[in-house]
């Protein structure tokens, strides 16, 4: 099993939290959500922001394992059953979600993410 938490933490400015209480770890960048990890003992699920057309394509390609975002805008979010999907694909989709959110941030915030940390 690959390191999902490590992958999420590897993005510049990514910060975990529990604003919805235990069981749903929320990852934000610049104060905006890019991933929500369900901490269910039975299976690992992650909700990711997604381009609307790609979201539909992924649901069609991976039926039952890529679902409309649970309690989220179903046009822009997918929920993934991580354990049933190829790790490389999930990693790519996390990157896609992160990039979509970063692109929506104010320029000053985006520039700060590019600055090296000391």
PDB file of N, CA and C in Angstrom:
ATOM      1  N   UNK A   1       0.849  -1.199   0.000  1.00  0.00           N
ATOM      2  CA  UNK A   1       0.000   0.000   0.000  1.00  0.00           C
ATOM      3  C   UNK A   1       0.881   1.244   0.000  1.00  0.00           C
ATOM      4  N   UNK A   2       0.590   2.153  -0.849  1.00  0.00           N
ATOM      5  CA  UNK A   2       1.348   3.393  -0.938  1.00  0.00           C
ATOM      6  C   UNK A   2       0.917   4.358   0.170  1.00  0.00           C
ATOM      7  N   UNK A   3       1.676   5.407   0.348  1.00  0.00           N
ATOM      8  CA  UNK A   3       1.479   6.347   1.453  1.00  0.00           C
ATOM      9  C   UNK A   3       0.583   7.511   1.021  1.00  0.00           C
ATOM     10  N   UNK A   4      -0.717   7.350   1.180  1.00  0.00           N
ATOM     11  CA  UNK A   4      -1.684   8.384   0.805  1.00  0.00           C
ATOM     12  C   UNK A   4      -1.431   9.673   1.586  1.00  0.00           C
ATOM     13  N   UNK A   5      -1.257   9.563   2.896  1.00  0.00           N
ATOM     14  CA  UNK A   5      -1.039  10.756   3.726  1.00  0.00           C
ATOM     15  C   UNK A   5       0.239  11.490   3.311  1.00  0.00           C
ATOM     16  N   UNK A   6       1.285  10.722   3.032  1.00  0.00           N
ATOM     17  CA  UNK A   6       2.537  11.335   2.596  1.00  0.00           C
ATOM     18  C   UNK A   6       2.388  12.056   1.274  1.00  0.00           C
ATOM     19  N   UNK A   7       1.616  11.457   0.384  1.00  0.00           N
ATOM     20  CA  UNK A   7       1.381  12.084  -0.922  1.00  0.00           C
ATOM     21  C   UNK A   7       0.639  13.410  -0.759  1.00  0.00           C
ATOM     22  N   UNK A   8      -0.404  13.408   0.037  1.00  0.00           N
ATOM     23  CA  UNK A   8      -1.169  14.640   0.264  1.00  0.00           C
ATOM     24  C   UNK A   8      -0.295  15.711   0.917  1.00  0.00           C
ATOM     25  N   UNK A   9       0.521  15.305   1.878  1.00  0.00           N
ATOM     26  CA  UNK A   9       1.384  16.254   2.595  1.00  0.00           C
ATOM     27  C   UNK A   9       2.511  16.791   1.727  1.00  0.00           C
ATOM     28  N   UNK A  10       2.801  16.130   0.611  1.00  0.00           N
ATOM     29  CA  UNK A  10       3.924  16.536  -0.237  1.00  0.00           C
ATOM     30  C   UNK A  10       3.647  17.804  -1.042  1.00  0.00           C
ATOM     31  N   UNK A  11       2.411  18.219  -1.118  1.00  0.00           N
ATOM     32  CA  UNK A  11       2.077  19.413  -1.901  1.00  0.00           C
ATOM     33  C   UNK A  11       2.345  20.688  -1.113  1.00  0.00           C
ATOM     34  N   UNK A  12       2.904  21.677  -1.795  1.00  0.00           N
ATOM     35  CA  UNK A  12       3.223  22.956  -1.163  1.00  0.00           C
ATOM     36  C   UNK A  12       1.978  23.568  -0.537  1.00  0.00           C
ATOM     37  N   UNK A  13       2.070  23.911   0.733  1.00  0.00           N
ATOM     38  CA  UNK A  13       0.978  24.579   1.430  1.00  0.00           C
ATOM     39  C   UNK A  13      -0.157  23.683   1.868  1.00  0.00           C
ATOM     40  N   UNK A  14      -0.052  22.366   1.625  1.00  0.00           N
ATOM     41  CA  UNK A  14      -1.124  21.440   2.002  1.00  0.00           C
ATOM     42  C   UNK A  14      -1.181  21.294   3.524  1.00  0.00           C
ATOM     43  N   UNK A  15      -2.378  21.454   4.062  1.00  0.00           N
ATOM     44  CA  UNK A  15      -2.564  21.379   5.506  1.00  0.00           C
ATOM     45  C   UNK A  15      -3.768  20.503   5.830  1.00  0.00           C
ATOM     46  N   UNK A  16      -3.564  19.496   6.712  1.00  0.00           N
ATOM     47  CA  UNK A  16      -4.689  18.654   7.119  1.00  0.00           C
ATOM     48  C   UNK A  16      -5.439  19.256   8.299  1.00  0.00           C
ATOM     49  N   UNK A  17      -6.686  18.862   8.443  1.00  0.00           N
ATOM     50  CA  UNK A  17      -7.499  19.302   9.579  1.00  0.00           C
ATOM     51  C   UNK A  17      -8.763  18.474   9.670  1.00  0.00           C
ATOM     52  N   UNK A  18      -9.534  18.750  10.725  1.00  0.00           N
ATOM     53  CA  UNK A  18     -10.786  18.016  10.957  1.00  0.00           C
ATOM     54  C   UNK A  18     -11.937  18.997  11.221  1.00  0.00           C
ATOM     55  N   UNK A  19     -12.243  19.871  10.270  1.00  0.00           N
ATOM     56  CA  UNK A  19     -13.307  20.853  10.514  1.00  0.00           C
ATOM     57  C   UNK A  19     -14.701  20.229  10.645  1.00  0.00           C
ATOM     58  N   UNK A  20     -14.873  19.009  10.139  1.00  0.00           N
ATOM     59  CA  UNK A  20     -16.171  18.335  10.206  1.00  0.00           C
ATOM     60  C   UNK A  20     -16.221  17.301  11.326  1.00  0.00           C
ATOM     61  N   UNK A  21     -15.176  17.263  12.149  1.00  0.00           N
ATOM     62  CA  UNK A  21     -15.112  16.301  13.235  1.00  0.00           C
ATOM     63  C   UNK A  21     -14.304  15.075  12.849  1.00  0.00           C
ATOM     64  N   UNK A  22     -14.187  14.134  13.783  1.00  0.00           N
ATOM     65  CA  UNK A  22     -13.379  12.939  13.516  1.00  0.00           C
ATOM     66  C   UNK A  22     -13.962  12.096  12.381  1.00  0.00           C
ATOM     67  N   UNK A  23     -13.080  11.427  11.685  1.00  0.00           N
ATOM     68  CA  UNK A  23     -13.524  10.531  10.616  1.00  0.00           C
ATOM     69  C   UNK A  23     -13.403  11.110   9.226  1.00  0.00           C
ATOM     70  N   UNK A  24     -13.258  12.417   9.111  1.00  0.00           N
ATOM     71  CA  UNK A  24     -13.116  13.053   7.793  1.00  0.00           C
ATOM     72  C   UNK A  24     -11.948  14.031   7.852  1.00  0.00           C
ATOM     73  N   UNK A  25     -10.798  13.578   7.363  1.00  0.00           N
ATOM     74  CA  UNK A  25      -9.621  14.433   7.343  1.00  0.00           C
ATOM     75  C   UNK A  25      -9.666  15.299   6.085  1.00  0.00           C
ATOM     76  N   UNK A  26      -9.650  16.601   6.283  1.00  0.00           N
ATOM     77  CA  UNK A  26      -9.760  17.564   5.191  1.00  0.00           C
ATOM     78  C   UNK A  26      -8.383  18.154   4.897  1.00  0.00           C
ATOM     79  N   UNK A  27      -8.001  18.128   3.624  1.00  0.00           N
ATOM     80  CA  UNK A  27      -6.743  18.730   3.186  1.00  0.00           C
ATOM     81  C   UNK A  27      -7.054  20.008   2.420  1.00  0.00           C
ATOM     82  N   UNK A  28      -6.401  21.098   2.856  1.00  0.00           N
ATOM     83  CA  UNK A  28      -6.607  22.405   2.229  1.00  0.00           C
ATOM     84  C   UNK A  28      -5.290  22.982   1.738  1.00  0.00           C
ATOM     85  N   UNK A  29      -5.411  23.850   0.754  1.00  0.00           N
ATOM     86  CA  UNK A  29      -4.302  24.679   0.313  1.00  0.00           C
ATOM     87  C   UNK A  29      -4.866  26.085   0.156  1.00  0.00           C
ATOM     88  N   UNK A  30      -4.195  27.059   0.745  1.00  0.00           N
ATOM     89  CA  UNK A  30      -4.682  28.432   0.676  1.00  0.00           C
ATOM     90  C   UNK A  30      -6.073  28.591   1.265  1.00  0.00           C
ATOM     91  N   UNK A  31      -6.431  27.741   2.220  1.00  0.00           N
ATOM     92  CA  UNK A  31      -7.740  27.817   2.870  1.00  0.00           C
ATOM     93  C   UNK A  31      -8.865  27.138   2.110  1.00  0.00           C
ATOM     94  N   UNK A  32      -8.555  26.519   0.960  1.00  0.00           N
ATOM     95  CA  UNK A  32      -9.586  25.844   0.159  1.00  0.00           C
ATOM     96  C   UNK A  32      -9.338  24.338   0.128  1.00  0.00           C
ATOM     97  N   UNK A  33     -10.404  23.584   0.175  1.00  0.00           N
ATOM     98  CA  UNK A  33     -10.325  22.122   0.214  1.00  0.00           C
ATOM     99  C   UNK A  33      -9.933  21.559  -1.151  1.00  0.00           C
ATOM    100  N   UNK A  34      -8.956  20.626  -1.137  1.00  0.00           N
ATOM    101  CA  UNK A  34      -8.648  19.887  -2.358  1.00  0.00           C
ATOM    102  C   UNK A  34      -8.819  18.377  -2.170  1.00  0.00           C
ATOM    103  N   UNK A  35      -8.946  17.906  -0.925  1.00  0.00           N
ATOM    104  CA  UNK A  35      -9.152  16.475  -0.683  1.00  0.00           C
ATOM    105  C   UNK A  35      -9.808  16.255   0.677  1.00  0.00           C
ATOM    106  N   UNK A  36     -10.666  15.242   0.732  1.00  0.00           N
ATOM    107  CA  UNK A  36     -11.276  14.822   1.994  1.00  0.00           C
ATOM    108  C   UNK A  36     -11.106  13.311   2.075  1.00  0.00           C
ATOM    109  N   UNK A  37     -10.392  12.868   3.105  1.00  0.00           N
ATOM    110  CA  UNK A  37     -10.121  11.444   3.292  1.00  0.00           C
ATOM    111  C   UNK A  37     -11.068  10.909   4.359  1.00  0.00           C
ATOM    112  N   UNK A  38     -11.820   9.877   3.997  1.00  0.00           N
ATOM    113  CA  UNK A  38     -12.713   9.208   4.932  1.00  0.00           C
ATOM    114  C   UNK A  38     -11.904   8.185   5.703  1.00  0.00           C
ATOM    115  N   UNK A  39     -11.927   8.305   7.008  1.00  0.00           N
ATOM    116  CA  UNK A  39     -11.156   7.399   7.856  1.00  0.00           C
ATOM    117  C   UNK A  39     -12.048   6.267   8.349  1.00  0.00           C
ATOM    118  N   UNK A  40     -12.520   5.487   7.399  1.00  0.00           N
ATOM    119  CA  UNK A  40     -13.375   4.332   7.648  1.00  0.00           C
ATOM    120  C   UNK A  40     -12.482   3.095   7.730  1.00  0.00           C
ATOM    121  N   UNK A  41     -12.694   2.259   8.726  1.00  0.00           N
ATOM    122  CA  UNK A  41     -11.860   1.080   8.916  1.00  0.00           C
ATOM    123  C   UNK A  41     -12.028   0.055   7.797  1.00  0.00           C
ATOM    124  N   UNK A  42     -13.136   0.094   7.078  1.00  0.00           N
ATOM    125  CA  UNK A  42     -13.418  -0.916   6.062  1.00  0.00           C
ATOM    126  C   UNK A  42     -12.736  -0.642   4.730  1.00  0.00           C
ATOM    127  N   UNK A  43     -12.655   0.613   4.328  1.00  0.00           N
ATOM    128  CA  UNK A  43     -12.019   0.957   3.061  1.00  0.00           C
ATOM    129  C   UNK A  43     -11.637   2.429   3.078  1.00  0.00           C
ATOM    130  N   UNK A  44     -10.629   2.751   2.290  1.00  0.00           N
ATOM    131  CA  UNK A  44     -10.154   4.131   2.205  1.00  0.00           C
ATOM    132  C   UNK A  44     -10.880   4.828   1.065  1.00  0.00           C
ATOM    133  N   UNK A  45     -11.474   5.976   1.390  1.00  0.00           N
ATOM    134  CA  UNK A  45     -12.144   6.786   0.381  1.00  0.00           C
ATOM    135  C   UNK A  45     -11.555   8.187   0.418  1.00  0.00           C
ATOM    136  N   UNK A  46     -11.483   8.805  -0.747  1.00  0.00           N
ATOM    137  CA  UNK A  46     -11.021  10.180  -0.823  1.00  0.00           C
ATOM    138  C   UNK A  46     -11.895  10.928  -1.818  1.00  0.00           C
ATOM    139  N   UNK A  47     -12.333  12.097  -1.428  1.00  0.00           N
ATOM    140  CA  UNK A  47     -13.088  12.976  -2.318  1.00  0.00           C
ATOM    141  C   UNK A  47     -12.113  13.995  -2.892  1.00  0.00           C
ATOM    142  N   UNK A  48     -12.155  14.162  -4.210  1.00  0.00           N
ATOM    143  CA  UNK A  48     -11.249  15.076  -4.901  1.00  0.00           C
ATOM    144  C   UNK A  48     -12.012  15.973  -5.853  1.00  0.00           C
ATOM    145  N   UNK A  49     -11.561  17.211  -5.927  1.00  0.00           N
ATOM    146  CA  UNK A  49     -12.108  18.140  -6.910  1.00  0.00           C
ATOM    147  C   UNK A  49     -11.676  17.663  -8.294  1.00  0.00           C
ATOM    148  N   UNK A  50     -12.526  17.872  -9.292  1.00  0.00           N
ATOM    149  CA  UNK A  50     -12.236  17.337 -10.617  1.00  0.00           C
ATOM    150  C   UNK A  50     -12.894  18.197 -11.685  1.00  0.00           C
ATOM    151  N   UNK A  51     -12.231  18.313 -12.822  1.00  0.00           N
ATOM    152  CA  UNK A  51     -12.846  18.950 -13.985  1.00  0.00           C
ATOM    153  C   UNK A  51     -14.153  18.208 -14.284  1.00  0.00           C
ATOM    154  N   UNK A  52     -15.258  18.919 -14.517  1.00  0.00           N
ATOM    155  CA  UNK A  52     -16.550  18.255 -14.707  1.00  0.00           C
ATOM    156  C   UNK A  52     -16.575  17.181 -15.798  1.00  0.00           C
ATOM    157  N   UNK A  53     -15.933  17.427 -16.937  1.00  0.00           N
ATOM    158  CA  UNK A  53     -15.925  16.422 -18.009  1.00  0.00           C
ATOM    159  C   UNK A  53     -15.095  15.198 -17.618  1.00  0.00           C
ATOM    160  N   UNK A  54     -13.951  15.450 -17.002  1.00  0.00           N
ATOM    161  CA  UNK A  54     -13.112  14.340 -16.546  1.00  0.00           C
ATOM    162  C   UNK A  54     -13.826  13.544 -15.454  1.00  0.00           C
ATOM    163  N   UNK A  55     -14.544  14.241 -14.576  1.00  0.00           N
ATOM    164  CA  UNK A  55     -15.281  13.553 -13.503  1.00  0.00           C
ATOM    165  C   UNK A  55     -16.235  12.520 -14.093  1.00  0.00           C
ATOM    166  N   UNK A  56     -16.966  12.900 -15.115  1.00  0.00           N
ATOM    167  CA  UNK A  56     -17.899  11.975 -15.761  1.00  0.00           C
ATOM    168  C   UNK A  56     -17.161  10.816 -16.436  1.00  0.00           C
ATOM    169  N   UNK A  57     -16.060  11.127 -17.119  1.00  0.00           N
ATOM    170  CA  UNK A  57     -15.279  10.087 -17.789  1.00  0.00           C
ATOM    171  C   UNK A  57     -14.754   9.060 -16.787  1.00  0.00           C
ATOM    172  N   UNK A  58     -14.266   9.536 -15.646  1.00  0.00           N
ATOM    173  CA  UNK A  58     -13.711   8.623 -14.642  1.00  0.00           C
ATOM    174  C   UNK A  58     -14.797   7.741 -14.026  1.00  0.00           C
ATOM    175  N   UNK A  59     -15.964   8.306 -13.801  1.00  0.00           N
ATOM    176  CA  UNK A  59     -17.076   7.508 -13.264  1.00  0.00           C
ATOM    177  C   UNK A  59     -17.470   6.405 -14.234  1.00  0.00           C
ATOM    178  N   UNK A  60     -17.401   6.719 -15.532  1.00  0.00           N
ATOM    179  CA  UNK A  60     -17.739   5.735 -16.559  1.00  0.00           C
ATOM    180  C   UNK A  60     -16.650   4.660 -16.681  1.00  0.00           C
ATOM    181  N   UNK A  61     -15.396   5.084 -16.583  1.00  0.00           N
ATOM    182  CA  UNK A  61     -14.273   4.149 -16.730  1.00  0.00           C
ATOM    183  C   UNK A  61     -14.105   3.231 -15.511  1.00  0.00           C
ATOM    184  N   UNK A  62     -14.429   3.758 -14.317  1.00  0.00           N
ATOM    185  CA  UNK A  62     -14.246   2.997 -13.078  1.00  0.00           C
ATOM    186  C   UNK A  62     -15.567   2.928 -12.299  1.00  0.00           C
ATOM    187  N   UNK A  63     -16.595   2.302 -12.861  1.00  0.00           N
ATOM    188  CA  UNK A  63     -17.900   2.266 -12.184  1.00  0.00           C
ATOM    189  C   UNK A  63     -17.812   1.539 -10.836  1.00  0.00           C
ATOM    190  N   UNK A  64     -18.458   2.131  -9.844  1.00  0.00           N
ATOM    191  CA  UNK A  64     -18.457   1.543  -8.511  1.00  0.00           C
ATOM    192  C   UNK A  64     -17.263   1.933  -7.666  1.00  0.00           C
ATOM    193  N   UNK A  65     -16.198   2.436  -8.300  1.00  0.00           N
ATOM    194  CA  UNK A  65     -14.999   2.844  -7.562  1.00  0.00           C
ATOM    195  C   UNK A  65     -14.699   4.336  -7.683  1.00  0.00           C
ATOM    196  N   UNK A  66     -15.276   4.985  -8.670  1.00  0.00           N
ATOM    197  CA  UNK A  66     -15.250   6.449  -8.782  1.00  0.00           C
ATOM    198  C   UNK A  66     -16.710   6.871  -8.824  1.00  0.00           C
ATOM    199  N   UNK A  67     -17.114   7.584  -7.791  1.00  0.00           N
ATOM    200  CA  UNK A  67     -18.524   7.933  -7.594  1.00  0.00           C
ATOM    201  C   UNK A  67     -18.689   9.443  -7.503  1.00  0.00           C
ATOM    202  N   UNK A  68     -19.905   9.944  -7.744  1.00  0.00           N
ATOM    203  CA  UNK A  68     -20.131  11.380  -7.521  1.00  0.00           C
ATOM    204  C   UNK A  68     -19.774  11.741  -6.083  1.00  0.00           C
ATOM    205  N   UNK A  69     -19.239  12.927  -5.882  1.00  0.00           N
ATOM    206  CA  UNK A  69     -18.806  13.366  -4.558  1.00  0.00           C
ATOM    207  C   UNK A  69     -19.896  13.243  -3.507  1.00  0.00           C
ATOM    208  N   UNK A  70     -19.591  12.554  -2.438  1.00  0.00           N
ATOM    209  CA  UNK A  70     -20.536  12.341  -1.340  1.00  0.00           C
ATOM    210  C   UNK A  70     -20.684  13.636  -0.545  1.00  0.00           C
ATOM    211  N   UNK A  71     -21.893  14.157  -0.453  1.00  0.00           N
ATOM    212  CA  UNK A  71     -22.197  15.423   0.234  1.00  0.00           C
ATOM    213  C   UNK A  71     -21.433  16.615  -0.348  1.00  0.00           C
ATOM    214  N   UNK A  72     -21.112  16.538  -1.639  1.00  0.00           N
ATOM    215  CA  UNK A  72     -20.370  17.608  -2.305  1.00  0.00           C
ATOM    216  C   UNK A  72     -21.048  17.912  -3.644  1.00  0.00           C
ATOM    217  N   UNK A  73     -20.621  18.978  -4.288  1.00  0.00           N
ATOM    218  CA  UNK A  73     -21.130  19.310  -5.618  1.00  0.00           C
ATOM    219  C   UNK A  73     -20.712  18.193  -6.577  1.00  0.00           C
ATOM    220  N   UNK A  74     -21.670  17.416  -7.010  1.00  0.00           N
ATOM    221  CA  UNK A  74     -21.378  16.224  -7.795  1.00  0.00           C
ATOM    222  C   UNK A  74     -20.836  16.533  -9.186  1.00  0.00           C
ATOM    223  N   UNK A  75     -21.002  17.742  -9.630  1.00  0.00           N
ATOM    224  CA  UNK A  75     -20.437  18.143 -10.924  1.00  0.00           C
ATOM    225  C   UNK A  75     -18.919  18.313 -10.823  1.00  0.00           C
ATOM    226  N   UNK A  76     -18.433  18.766  -9.667  1.00  0.00           N
ATOM    227  CA  UNK A  76     -17.015  19.115  -9.504  1.00  0.00           C
ATOM    228  C   UNK A  76     -16.229  18.192  -8.584  1.00  0.00           C
ATOM    229  N   UNK A  77     -16.878  17.214  -7.975  1.00  0.00           N
ATOM    230  CA  UNK A  77     -16.193  16.348  -7.007  1.00  0.00           C
ATOM    231  C   UNK A  77     -16.493  14.876  -7.278  1.00  0.00           C
ATOM    232  N   UNK A  78     -15.474  14.047  -7.132  1.00  0.00           N
ATOM    233  CA  UNK A  78     -15.613  12.594  -7.185  1.00  0.00           C
ATOM    234  C   UNK A  78     -15.168  12.010  -5.850  1.00  0.00           C
ATOM    235  N   UNK A  79     -15.808  10.922  -5.442  1.00  0.00           N
ATOM    236  CA  UNK A  79     -15.348  10.137  -4.307  1.00  0.00           C
ATOM    237  C   UNK A  79     -14.748   8.853  -4.869  1.00  0.00           C
ATOM    238  N   UNK A  80     -13.515   8.555  -4.467  1.00  0.00           N
ATOM    239  CA  UNK A  80     -12.799   7.394  -4.967  1.00  0.00           C
ATOM    240  C   UNK A  80     -12.690   6.326  -3.885  1.00  0.00           C
ATOM    241  N   UNK A  81     -12.897   5.078  -4.258  1.00  0.00           N
ATOM    242  CA  UNK A  81     -12.626   3.951  -3.381  1.00  0.00           C
ATOM    243  C   UNK A  81     -11.160   3.593  -3.655  1.00  0.00           C
ATOM    244  N   UNK A  82     -10.271   4.129  -2.857  1.00  0.00           N
ATOM    245  CA  UNK A  82      -8.833   4.092  -3.127  1.00  0.00           C
ATOM    246  C   UNK A  82      -8.299   2.671  -3.262  1.00  0.00           C
ATOM    247  N   UNK A  83      -8.731   1.776  -2.400  1.00  0.00           N
ATOM    248  CA  UNK A  83      -8.188   0.415  -2.380  1.00  0.00           C
ATOM    249  C   UNK A  83      -8.483  -0.359  -3.667  1.00  0.00           C
ATOM    250  N   UNK A  84      -9.443   0.096  -4.454  1.00  0.00           N
ATOM    251  CA  UNK A  84      -9.851  -0.621  -5.665  1.00  0.00           C
ATOM    252  C   UNK A  84      -9.322   0.016  -6.948  1.00  0.00           C
ATOM    253  N   UNK A  85      -8.502   1.042  -6.824  1.00  0.00           N
ATOM    254  CA  UNK A  85      -8.020   1.780  -7.994  1.00  0.00           C
ATOM    255  C   UNK A  85      -6.495   1.716  -8.084  1.00  0.00           C
ATOM    256  N   UNK A  86      -5.949   1.847  -9.286  1.00  0.00           N
ATOM    257  CA  UNK A  86      -4.489   1.854  -9.431  1.00  0.00           C
ATOM    258  C   UNK A  86      -3.870   3.055  -8.699  1.00  0.00           C
ATOM    259  N   UNK A  87      -2.834   2.781  -7.896  1.00  0.00           N
ATOM    260  CA  UNK A  87      -2.207   3.847  -7.098  1.00  0.00           C
ATOM    261  C   UNK A  87      -1.759   5.033  -7.943  1.00  0.00           C
ATOM    262  N   UNK A  88      -1.160   4.755  -9.090  1.00  0.00           N
ATOM    263  CA  UNK A  88      -0.682   5.838  -9.949  1.00  0.00           C
ATOM    264  C   UNK A  88      -1.799   6.740 -10.424  1.00  0.00           C
ATOM    265  N   UNK A  89      -2.940   6.149 -10.728  1.00  0.00           N
ATOM    266  CA  UNK A  89      -4.101   6.948 -11.159  1.00  0.00           C
ATOM    267  C   UNK A  89      -4.569   7.848 -10.020  1.00  0.00           C
ATOM    268  N   UNK A  90      -4.686   7.286  -8.834  1.00  0.00           N
ATOM    269  CA  UNK A  90      -5.145   8.076  -7.679  1.00  0.00           C
ATOM    270  C   UNK A  90      -4.179   9.220  -7.415  1.00  0.00           C
ATOM    271  N   UNK A  91      -2.892   8.942  -7.498  1.00  0.00           N
ATOM    272  CA  UNK A  91      -1.895  10.003  -7.297  1.00  0.00           C
ATOM    273  C   UNK A  91      -2.065  11.109  -8.334  1.00  0.00           C
ATOM    274  N   UNK A  92      -2.303  10.740  -9.581  1.00  0.00           N
ATOM    275  CA  UNK A  92      -2.520  11.745 -10.633  1.00  0.00           C
ATOM    276  C   UNK A  92      -3.760  12.576 -10.339  1.00  0.00           C
ATOM    277  N   UNK A  93      -4.834  11.926  -9.881  1.00  0.00           N
ATOM    278  CA  UNK A  93      -6.075  12.651  -9.613  1.00  0.00           C
ATOM    279  C   UNK A  93      -5.943  13.569  -8.405  1.00  0.00           C
ATOM    280  N   UNK A  94      -5.123  13.186  -7.435  1.00  0.00           N
ATOM    281  CA  UNK A  94      -4.848  14.087  -6.307  1.00  0.00           C
ATOM    282  C   UNK A  94      -4.146  15.333  -6.836  1.00  0.00           C
ATOM    283  N   UNK A  95      -3.158  15.140  -7.702  1.00  0.00           N
ATOM    284  CA  UNK A  95      -2.452  16.277  -8.295  1.00  0.00           C
ATOM    285  C   UNK A  95      -3.377  17.177  -9.093  1.00  0.00           C
ATOM    286  N   UNK A  96      -4.300  16.575  -9.832  1.00  0.00           N
ATOM    287  CA  UNK A  96      -5.283  17.338 -10.607  1.00  0.00           C
ATOM    288  C   UNK A  96      -6.147  18.186  -9.674  1.00  0.00           C
ATOM    289  N   UNK A  97      -6.613  17.601  -8.592  1.00  0.00           N
ATOM    290  CA  UNK A  97      -7.446  18.315  -7.632  1.00  0.00           C
ATOM    291  C   UNK A  97      -6.676  19.492  -7.025  1.00  0.00           C
ATOM    292  N   UNK A  98      -5.458  19.223  -6.603  1.00  0.00           N
ATOM    293  CA  UNK A  98      -4.614  20.261  -6.011  1.00  0.00           C
ATOM    294  C   UNK A  98      -4.419  21.416  -7.000  1.00  0.00           C
ATOM    295  N   UNK A  99      -4.081  21.084  -8.240  1.00  0.00           N
ATOM    296  CA  UNK A  99      -3.835  22.123  -9.250  1.00  0.00           C
ATOM    297  C   UNK A  99      -5.092  22.952  -9.543  1.00  0.00           C
ATOM    298  N   UNK A 100      -6.255  22.312  -9.591  1.00  0.00           N
ATOM    299  CA  UNK A 100      -7.505  23.055  -9.801  1.00  0.00           C
ATOM    300  C   UNK A 100      -7.724  24.076  -8.687  1.00  0.00           C
ATOM    301  N   UNK A 101      -7.491  23.639  -7.466  1.00  0.00           N
ATOM    302  CA  UNK A 101      -7.707  24.540  -6.327  1.00  0.00           C
ATOM    303  C   UNK A 101      -6.667  25.652  -6.316  1.00  0.00           C
ATOM    304  N   UNK A 102      -5.416  25.325  -6.546  1.00  0.00           N
ATOM    305  CA  UNK A 102      -4.363  26.343  -6.572  1.00  0.00           C
ATOM    306  C   UNK A 102      -4.657  27.380  -7.658  1.00  0.00           C
ATOM    307  N   UNK A 103      -5.118  26.936  -8.809  1.00  0.00           N
ATOM    308  CA  UNK A 103      -5.428  27.859  -9.908  1.00  0.00           C
ATOM    309  C   UNK A 103      -6.539  28.838  -9.538  1.00  0.00           C
ATOM    310  N   UNK A 104      -7.394  28.461  -8.591  1.00  0.00           N
ATOM    311  CA  UNK A 104      -8.492  29.340  -8.186  1.00  0.00           C
ATOM    312  C   UNK A 104      -8.097  30.316  -7.072  1.00  0.00           C
ATOM    313  N   UNK A 105      -6.891  30.171  -6.537  1.00  0.00           N
ATOM    314  CA  UNK A 105      -6.443  31.042  -5.442  1.00  0.00           C
ATOM    315  C   UNK A 105      -5.995  32.395  -5.980  1.00  0.00           C
ATOM    316  N   UNK A 106      -6.041  33.429  -5.147  1.00  0.00           N
ATOM    317  CA  UNK A 106      -5.513  34.735  -5.562  1.00  0.00           C
ATOM    318  C   UNK A 106      -4.020  34.626  -5.919  1.00  0.00           C
ATOM    319  N   UNK A 107      -3.571  35.461  -6.835  1.00  0.00           N
ATOM    320  CA  UNK A 107      -2.185  35.429  -7.296  1.00  0.00           C
ATOM    321  C   UNK A 107      -1.167  35.503  -6.175  1.00  0.00           C
ATOM    322  N   UNK A 108      -1.413  36.333  -5.194  1.00  0.00           N
ATOM    323  CA  UNK A 108      -0.484  36.488  -4.070  1.00  0.00           C
ATOM    324  C   UNK A 108      -0.325  35.157  -3.327  1.00  0.00           C
ATOM    325  N   UNK A 109      -1.426  34.445  -3.147  1.00  0.00           N
ATOM    326  CA  UNK A 109      -1.386  33.158  -2.446  1.00  0.00           C
ATOM    327  C   UNK A 109      -0.656  32.121  -3.290  1.00  0.00           C
ATOM    328  N   UNK A 110      -0.914  32.107  -4.607  1.00  0.00           N
ATOM    329  CA  UNK A 110      -0.217  31.172  -5.506  1.00  0.00           C
ATOM    330  C   UNK A 110       1.282  31.427  -5.500  1.00  0.00           C
ATOM    331  N   UNK A 111       1.669  32.683  -5.544  1.00  0.00           N
ATOM    332  CA  UNK A 111       3.098  33.025  -5.538  1.00  0.00           C
ATOM    333  C   UNK A 111       3.755  32.582  -4.239  1.00  0.00           C
ATOM    334  N   UNK A 112       3.069  32.735  -3.131  1.00  0.00           N
ATOM    335  CA  UNK A 112       3.614  32.327  -1.828  1.00  0.00           C
ATOM    336  C   UNK A 112       3.869  30.820  -1.799  1.00  0.00           C
ATOM    337  N   UNK A 113       3.060  30.043  -2.498  1.00  0.00           N
ATOM    338  CA  UNK A 113       3.268  28.584  -2.540  1.00  0.00           C
ATOM    339  C   UNK A 113       4.553  28.225  -3.281  1.00  0.00           C
ATOM    340  N   UNK A 114       4.957  29.078  -4.223  1.00  0.00           N
ATOM    341  CA  UNK A 114       6.160  28.821  -5.011  1.00  0.00           C
ATOM    342  C   UNK A 114       7.441  29.239  -4.305  1.00  0.00           C
ATOM    343  N   UNK A 115       7.302  30.049  -3.236  1.00  0.00           N
ATOM    344  CA  UNK A 115       8.489  30.522  -2.526  1.00  0.00           C
ATOM    345  C   UNK A 115       9.110  29.393  -1.711  1.00  0.00           C
ATOM    346  N   UNK A 116      10.441  29.289  -1.748  1.00  0.00           N
ATOM    347  CA  UNK A 116      11.084  28.248  -0.940  1.00  0.00           C
ATOM    348  C   UNK A 116      10.906  28.517   0.549  1.00  0.00           C
ATOM    349  N   UNK A 117      10.751  27.449   1.299  1.00  0.00           N
ATOM    350  CA  UNK A 117      10.629  27.590   2.751  1.00  0.00           C
ATOM    351  C   UNK A 117      12.009  27.394   3.360  1.00  0.00           C
ATOM    352  N   UNK A 118      12.269  28.107   4.441  1.00  0.00           N
ATOM    353  CA  UNK A 118      13.603  27.993   5.063  1.00  0.00           C
ATOM    354  C   UNK A 118      13.542  27.249   6.355  1.00  0.00           C
TER     355      UNK A 118
END
